[in-house]
Amino acid sequence: MQRPVVIAILLAVCAAPLHGAPGDRLDEETIKRVREATVEVLVDGRLMGSGVLVSKDGIVLTAAHLDVNKDKRVELLTKTHGRLDAEMVATNLGSDLLLLRAEKAKGAFTFLELSDVNTLEPVWLSGAAMFRHDLLLAGRVARAKPHSFEWLGDRKHYVHVYYIAGPSPRGTSGGAWVNQRGQVVGIQSGIISVQAKGVGIAFAAPYAVIRELLKDKTDVVWPTFDAAIEEVWEQPVGFIKKLPEGTEGLVVKSLRKDGPLDAVGVKKDDVILKLNSRAHRYRDDLLFALWTDHKPGDVVTMEVLTPGADKPRQVKVKLGALDGSWR
């Protein structure tokens, strides 16, 4: 007589809604508002990503890495106003952000407010994943502070981000991560992957840079040395053995031909030990120092070590500009 009871209990558990704890769910009104504020971005008629309305007059946040430029037609698929043309307003390539403005429509747009992220809270990504519409994908902030930097391989530059444990399939780029109150806490940028397979970690543009772009509505320009770097302890043991014992710094993994580092003779696998006489063992520390203390055109001093060399050398590097000139 016990077996049917056990089976009934198991069926009840399996049939229970997968919302998590009471504080980890969205109410129906919030879901409706988020979906009405979510847009899908068409470039020359093809669905390239997602976005979110952040003002009643049609300002949209999306990802800068979508295939958008002045020579292509950009449209938005909206819930309440149908298919609308859009124009580019401003970009922040350093956080993979693009502002669009939808053409005028009858009546105001449903839009979402912004909020900062201060805890490891549950969040949801709203967008058209794999050409499937109206999806809300659950995740959780993996590290609210400090923010970090990720290299966009196809764009060949770094973006300023924070991390979310959760899915972010193709088509959700530019979509809004929202909190339980339906407020935007980030704009989806990319994922961490190994051999082209995601590992369940997404990264998104953080609140502060989103707020700045919305306030000024002008392009944000960042300094760059046009190179990808990794920490010494990420390297194979054979590489580490070529360095003096205990060496800490940032290894140049790729660099743009004729870019700032290439111009002064820095090569792949060289190790950046210091920036302006200050040692950096972590990638984020060096990039934060670069972005907060300098502007394009500044000349910085780097101490660089070539594996196998007797001693490091100093080079003067003129920083380039990461701007929206590609548009």
Protein backbone atom coordinates (compact mmCIF):
# COMPACT_ATOMS: atom_id res chain seq x y z
CA MET A 1 0.00 0.00 0.00
CA GLN A 2 2.97 2.31 0.44
CA ARG A 3 4.18 2.24 -3.13
CA PRO A 4 1.30 4.23 -4.70
CA VAL A 5 1.79 6.91 -2.03
CA VAL A 6 5.50 7.21 -2.83
CA ILE A 7 4.76 7.43 -6.54
CA ALA A 8 2.14 10.10 -5.92
CA ILE A 9 4.60 12.16 -3.91
CA LEU A 10 7.26 11.90 -6.63
CA LEU A 11 4.78 12.94 -9.30
CA ALA A 12 3.75 15.90 -7.21
CA VAL A 13 7.36 17.01 -6.81
CA CYS A 14 8.11 16.62 -10.52
CA ALA A 15 5.00 18.58 -11.43
CA ALA A 16 5.81 21.49 -9.10
CA PRO A 17 6.66 24.80 -10.88
CA LEU A 18 10.40 25.45 -11.16
CA HIS A 19 10.34 28.91 -9.61
CA GLY A 20 12.72 28.29 -6.72
CA ALA A 21 12.12 30.04 -3.42
CA PRO A 22 9.28 32.61 -3.16
CA GLY A 23 11.79 35.45 -3.45
CA ASP A 24 13.26 34.00 -6.66
CA ARG A 25 10.28 34.41 -8.95
CA LEU A 26 8.71 37.10 -11.12
CA ASP A 27 5.05 37.98 -10.71
CA GLU A 28 2.79 38.04 -13.74
CA GLU A 29 2.59 41.84 -13.90
CA THR A 30 6.40 42.14 -13.96
CA ILE A 31 6.68 39.44 -16.62
CA LYS A 32 4.16 41.33 -18.78
CA ARG A 33 6.01 44.63 -18.36
CA VAL A 34 9.43 43.08 -19.12
CA ARG A 35 8.14 41.40 -22.27
CA GLU A 36 6.48 44.59 -23.51
CA ALA A 37 9.72 46.52 -22.97
CA THR A 38 11.87 43.89 -24.71
CA VAL A 39 12.63 44.41 -28.40
CA GLU A 40 14.24 42.30 -31.09
CA VAL A 41 16.85 43.98 -33.28
CA LEU A 42 16.73 43.43 -37.04
CA VAL A 43 19.67 44.40 -39.26
CA ASP A 44 18.81 44.43 -42.97
CA GLY A 45 15.81 42.31 -42.04
CA ARG A 46 17.66 39.61 -40.11
CA LEU A 47 17.18 39.08 -36.38
CA MET A 48 20.60 39.81 -34.87
CA GLY A 49 19.88 40.21 -31.17
CA SER A 50 17.70 41.67 -28.47
CA GLY A 51 17.33 44.97 -26.66
CA VAL A 52 15.24 46.82 -24.10
CA LEU A 53 13.29 50.07 -24.09
CA VAL A 54 14.48 52.38 -21.32
CA SER A 55 12.39 55.50 -21.96
CA LYS A 56 8.82 56.30 -22.93
CA ASP A 57 10.03 58.10 -26.07
CA GLY A 58 11.74 55.03 -27.55
CA ILE A 59 15.37 54.93 -26.39
CA VAL A 60 16.69 51.36 -26.62
CA LEU A 61 19.74 49.72 -25.06
CA THR A 62 21.40 46.84 -26.90
CA ALA A 63 24.86 45.39 -27.57
CA ALA A 64 27.40 47.26 -29.70
CA HIS A 65 28.75 44.04 -31.20
CA LEU A 66 25.57 43.45 -33.24
CA ASP A 67 26.15 43.88 -36.95
CA VAL A 68 24.95 47.50 -36.94
CA ASN A 69 26.41 50.41 -38.92
CA LYS A 70 25.28 53.50 -40.79
CA ASP A 71 25.00 51.64 -44.11
CA LYS A 72 22.49 49.08 -42.84
CA ARG A 73 18.82 49.34 -42.00
CA VAL A 74 18.06 48.83 -38.33
CA GLU A 75 14.57 47.90 -37.18
CA LEU A 76 12.96 46.91 -33.91
CA LEU A 77 10.25 44.33 -33.37
CA THR A 78 8.17 45.64 -30.47
CA LYS A 79 5.26 44.11 -28.59
CA THR A 80 2.98 47.14 -28.52
CA HIS A 81 3.96 49.16 -31.61
CA GLY A 82 4.89 46.53 -34.18
CA ARG A 83 7.90 46.84 -36.48
CA LEU A 84 9.71 50.18 -36.29
CA ASP A 85 12.77 51.74 -37.89
CA ALA A 86 15.53 52.81 -35.52
CA GLU A 87 18.53 55.10 -35.66
CA MET A 88 21.85 54.91 -33.83
CA VAL A 89 22.38 57.47 -31.07
CA ALA A 90 25.60 56.64 -29.21
CA THR A 91 27.96 53.79 -28.37
CA ASN A 92 30.29 52.65 -25.61
CA LEU A 93 32.46 49.96 -27.17
CA GLY A 94 34.33 49.53 -23.90
CA SER A 95 31.18 48.10 -22.34
CA ASP A 96 29.64 46.72 -25.54
CA LEU A 97 26.72 49.14 -25.40
CA LEU A 98 24.73 50.73 -28.20
CA LEU A 99 21.91 53.26 -27.87
CA LEU A 100 19.17 53.26 -30.48
CA ARG A 101 16.11 55.47 -30.90
CA ALA A 102 12.91 53.97 -32.27
CA GLU A 103 10.85 55.98 -34.70
CA LYS A 104 7.84 57.76 -33.23
CA ALA A 105 4.82 55.62 -32.53
CA LYS A 106 1.27 56.23 -31.38
CA GLY A 107 1.41 56.44 -27.63
CA ALA A 108 4.26 55.97 -25.19
CA PHE A 109 6.49 52.93 -25.06
CA THR A 110 6.51 50.53 -22.14
CA PHE A 111 9.99 50.81 -20.67
CA LEU A 112 12.07 49.51 -17.77
CA GLU A 113 13.95 51.45 -15.11
CA LEU A 114 17.58 50.81 -14.17
CA SER A 115 18.99 49.46 -10.94
CA ASP A 116 22.45 48.68 -9.59
CA VAL A 117 23.55 45.17 -8.55
CA ASN A 118 24.82 44.89 -5.00
CA THR A 119 24.21 41.26 -4.08
CA LEU A 120 24.34 37.80 -5.64
CA GLU A 121 20.69 38.11 -6.53
CA PRO A 122 18.55 36.11 -8.98
CA VAL A 123 18.17 37.73 -12.42
CA TRP A 124 16.42 36.96 -15.69
CA LEU A 125 17.54 37.53 -19.28
CA SER A 126 14.81 38.67 -21.66
CA GLY A 127 15.32 38.10 -25.37
CA ALA A 128 14.91 36.03 -28.51
CA ALA A 129 17.19 33.06 -27.84
CA MET A 130 17.90 30.95 -30.94
CA PHE A 131 15.05 32.74 -32.77
CA ARG A 132 12.61 31.72 -30.02
CA HIS A 133 10.60 34.76 -28.94
CA ASP A 134 9.57 36.03 -25.51
CA LEU A 135 11.97 33.89 -23.48
CA LEU A 136 12.97 34.70 -19.90
CA LEU A 137 16.09 32.77 -18.89
CA ALA A 138 16.94 32.50 -15.19
CA GLY A 139 20.40 33.17 -13.78
CA ARG A 140 22.11 34.56 -10.70
CA VAL A 141 24.69 37.28 -10.29
CA ALA A 142 27.98 35.45 -9.78
CA ARG A 143 30.04 38.43 -8.62
CA ALA A 144 28.52 41.84 -8.14
CA LYS A 145 31.74 43.71 -7.33
CA PRO A 146 34.42 44.29 -8.40
CA HIS A 147 33.71 44.41 -12.10
CA SER A 148 36.00 42.75 -14.61
CA PHE A 149 37.14 42.77 -18.24
CA GLU A 150 36.52 40.24 -21.00
CA TRP A 151 38.13 40.05 -24.45
CA LEU A 152 35.72 40.04 -27.41
CA GLY A 153 37.63 37.85 -29.83
CA ASP A 154 35.74 38.86 -32.97
CA ARG A 155 36.00 42.57 -32.12
CA LYS A 156 39.59 42.43 -30.79
CA HIS A 157 39.05 44.56 -27.71
CA TYR A 158 38.15 44.38 -24.02
CA VAL A 159 34.78 45.15 -22.49
CA HIS A 160 34.00 46.20 -18.92
CA VAL A 161 31.54 43.67 -17.43
CA TYR A 162 30.27 41.74 -14.43
CA TYR A 163 29.46 38.01 -14.29
CA ILE A 164 26.21 36.07 -14.21
CA ALA A 165 25.81 32.31 -13.75
CA GLY A 166 23.21 31.46 -16.35
CA PRO A 167 22.46 30.74 -20.02
CA SER A 168 22.84 33.29 -22.79
CA PRO A 169 22.24 31.60 -26.16
CA ARG A 170 22.65 33.21 -29.56
CA GLY A 171 20.06 35.93 -30.10
CA THR A 172 20.08 37.22 -26.53
CA SER A 173 23.01 39.61 -27.12
CA GLY A 174 21.84 43.07 -26.12
CA GLY A 175 18.98 41.70 -24.03
CA ALA A 176 18.29 43.02 -20.55
CA TRP A 177 19.12 41.14 -17.39
CA VAL A 178 16.39 42.18 -14.94
CA ASN A 179 15.95 41.74 -11.20
CA GLN A 180 12.85 40.58 -9.36
CA ARG A 181 11.38 44.08 -9.59
CA GLY A 182 11.73 44.12 -13.36
CA GLN A 183 14.56 46.68 -13.32
CA VAL A 184 17.49 46.48 -15.75
CA VAL A 185 20.69 45.45 -13.95
CA GLY A 186 22.82 44.72 -17.03
CA ILE A 187 22.87 44.36 -20.81
CA GLN A 188 23.95 40.96 -22.12
CA SER A 189 27.31 41.06 -23.90
CA GLY A 190 28.78 37.56 -24.24
CA ILE A 191 29.67 34.24 -22.65
CA ILE A 192 32.79 32.48 -21.45
CA SER A 193 33.42 29.47 -23.66
CA VAL A 194 35.94 26.69 -24.11
CA GLN A 195 36.37 25.35 -27.65
CA ALA A 196 33.27 27.30 -28.72
CA LYS A 197 31.13 25.71 -25.98
CA GLY A 198 29.64 27.83 -23.23
CA VAL A 199 30.48 26.96 -19.63
CA GLY A 200 27.41 28.60 -18.05
CA ILE A 201 29.00 31.99 -17.29
CA ALA A 202 27.62 35.07 -19.03
CA PHE A 203 28.91 38.62 -18.80
CA ALA A 204 26.96 41.85 -19.02
CA ALA A 205 27.53 45.59 -19.12
CA PRO A 206 27.12 47.01 -15.58
CA TYR A 207 24.81 49.68 -14.27
CA ALA A 208 27.27 52.55 -13.92
CA VAL A 209 28.32 52.65 -17.57
CA ILE A 210 24.73 52.12 -18.73
CA ARG A 211 23.62 55.10 -16.64
CA GLU A 212 26.43 57.27 -18.03
CA LEU A 213 25.57 56.45 -21.64
CA LEU A 214 21.87 57.17 -21.07
CA LYS A 215 22.66 60.45 -19.35
CA ASP A 216 25.04 61.89 -21.94
CA LYS A 217 23.84 60.09 -25.10
CA THR A 218 27.26 60.62 -26.69
CA ASP A 219 29.95 58.15 -27.73
CA VAL A 220 32.26 57.06 -24.92
CA VAL A 221 35.91 56.69 -25.96
CA TRP A 222 38.35 54.50 -24.02
CA PRO A 223 42.14 54.12 -24.22
CA THR A 224 43.48 50.84 -25.58
CA PHE A 225 46.76 49.10 -26.36
CA ASP A 226 44.99 46.71 -28.77
CA ALA A 227 46.22 43.48 -27.23
CA ALA A 228 44.83 40.50 -25.32
CA ILE A 229 46.63 39.57 -22.11
CA GLU A 230 46.55 36.67 -19.64
CA GLU A 231 47.97 36.20 -16.16
CA VAL A 232 51.25 34.29 -15.84
CA TRP A 233 49.69 31.41 -13.87
CA GLU A 234 47.24 30.74 -16.73
CA GLN A 235 50.17 29.62 -18.91
CA PRO A 236 51.54 26.08 -19.44
CA VAL A 237 54.19 24.95 -16.98
CA GLY A 238 56.80 24.86 -19.77
CA PHE A 239 56.27 28.55 -20.44
CA ILE A 240 56.42 29.48 -16.75
CA LYS A 241 59.77 27.66 -16.40
CA LYS A 242 61.27 30.04 -18.99
CA LEU A 243 60.66 32.95 -16.62
CA PRO A 244 62.60 33.90 -13.48
CA GLU A 245 61.16 32.08 -10.49
CA GLY A 246 58.17 33.86 -8.97
CA THR A 247 57.54 36.10 -12.00
CA GLU A 248 54.09 37.75 -11.92
CA GLY A 249 52.57 39.84 -14.67
CA LEU A 250 50.48 39.81 -17.81
CA VAL A 251 51.38 37.74 -20.87
CA VAL A 252 50.63 39.22 -24.29
CA LYS A 253 48.60 36.59 -26.17
CA SER A 254 47.68 38.53 -29.30
CA LEU A 255 48.19 42.06 -30.55
CA ARG A 256 47.12 44.15 -33.49
CA LYS A 257 49.67 44.61 -36.25
CA ASP A 258 50.90 48.22 -36.22
CA GLY A 259 49.01 48.75 -32.96
CA PRO A 260 50.44 50.52 -29.87
CA LEU A 261 52.40 47.49 -28.57
CA ASP A 262 53.53 46.25 -31.95
CA ALA A 263 54.83 49.74 -32.75
CA VAL A 264 57.33 49.59 -29.86
CA GLY A 265 58.52 46.03 -30.49
CA VAL A 266 56.40 44.11 -27.96
CA LYS A 267 55.74 40.57 -29.19
CA LYS A 268 53.38 37.71 -28.43
CA ASP A 269 54.39 35.94 -25.16
CA ASP A 270 56.19 38.99 -23.78
CA VAL A 271 55.27 39.62 -20.14
CA ILE A 272 54.13 43.05 -18.95
CA LEU A 273 55.56 43.36 -15.44
CA LYS A 274 54.74 46.98 -14.65
CA LEU A 275 52.62 49.86 -15.87
CA ASN A 276 54.07 53.26 -14.94
CA SER A 277 56.38 51.65 -12.35
CA ARG A 278 53.53 49.78 -10.66
CA ALA A 279 53.51 45.97 -10.69
CA HIS A 280 50.30 44.17 -11.69
CA ARG A 281 49.69 40.46 -11.18
CA TYR A 282 46.02 40.46 -12.25
CA ARG A 283 44.63 41.38 -15.66
CA ASP A 284 41.75 43.38 -14.19
CA ASP A 285 44.09 45.49 -12.07
CA LEU A 286 46.19 46.54 -15.06
CA LEU A 287 43.16 47.29 -17.24
CA PHE A 288 41.43 49.27 -14.48
CA ALA A 289 44.61 51.33 -14.03
CA LEU A 290 44.75 51.92 -17.76
CA TRP A 291 41.10 52.93 -18.10
CA THR A 292 40.73 55.04 -14.98
CA ASP A 293 44.03 56.94 -15.11
CA HIS A 294 44.52 57.51 -18.85
CA LYS A 295 42.92 58.66 -22.06
CA PRO A 296 43.64 57.96 -25.75
CA GLY A 297 46.90 59.52 -26.86
CA ASP A 298 48.56 59.28 -23.43
CA VAL A 299 52.04 57.78 -23.32
CA VAL A 300 52.57 55.13 -20.64
CA THR A 301 55.70 53.31 -19.54
CA MET A 302 55.70 49.51 -19.47
CA GLU A 303 58.32 47.17 -18.08
CA VAL A 304 58.38 44.13 -20.37
CA LEU A 305 60.16 40.79 -20.07
CA THR A 306 60.76 38.44 -23.01
CA PRO A 307 60.89 34.78 -21.88
CA GLY A 308 64.53 33.68 -21.81
CA ALA A 309 65.91 37.23 -21.69
CA ASP A 310 68.40 38.23 -18.99
CA LYS A 311 66.41 41.22 -17.78
CA PRO A 312 63.27 43.25 -18.58
CA ARG A 313 63.23 46.38 -20.70
CA GLN A 314 61.17 49.58 -20.63
CA VAL A 315 59.03 50.76 -23.53
CA LYS A 316 57.00 53.93 -24.07
CA VAL A 317 53.53 53.10 -25.43
CA LYS A 318 51.16 55.65 -26.97
CA LEU A 319 47.61 54.51 -26.26
CA GLY A 320 45.07 54.20 -29.04
CA ALA A 321 41.35 55.01 -28.99
CA LEU A 322 38.49 52.55 -28.63
CA ASP A 323 35.64 54.55 -30.14
CA GLY A 324 32.63 54.29 -32.41
CA SER A 325 34.36 55.29 -35.65
CA TRP A 326 33.44 51.88 -37.14
CA ARG A 327 29.86 53.13 -37.48
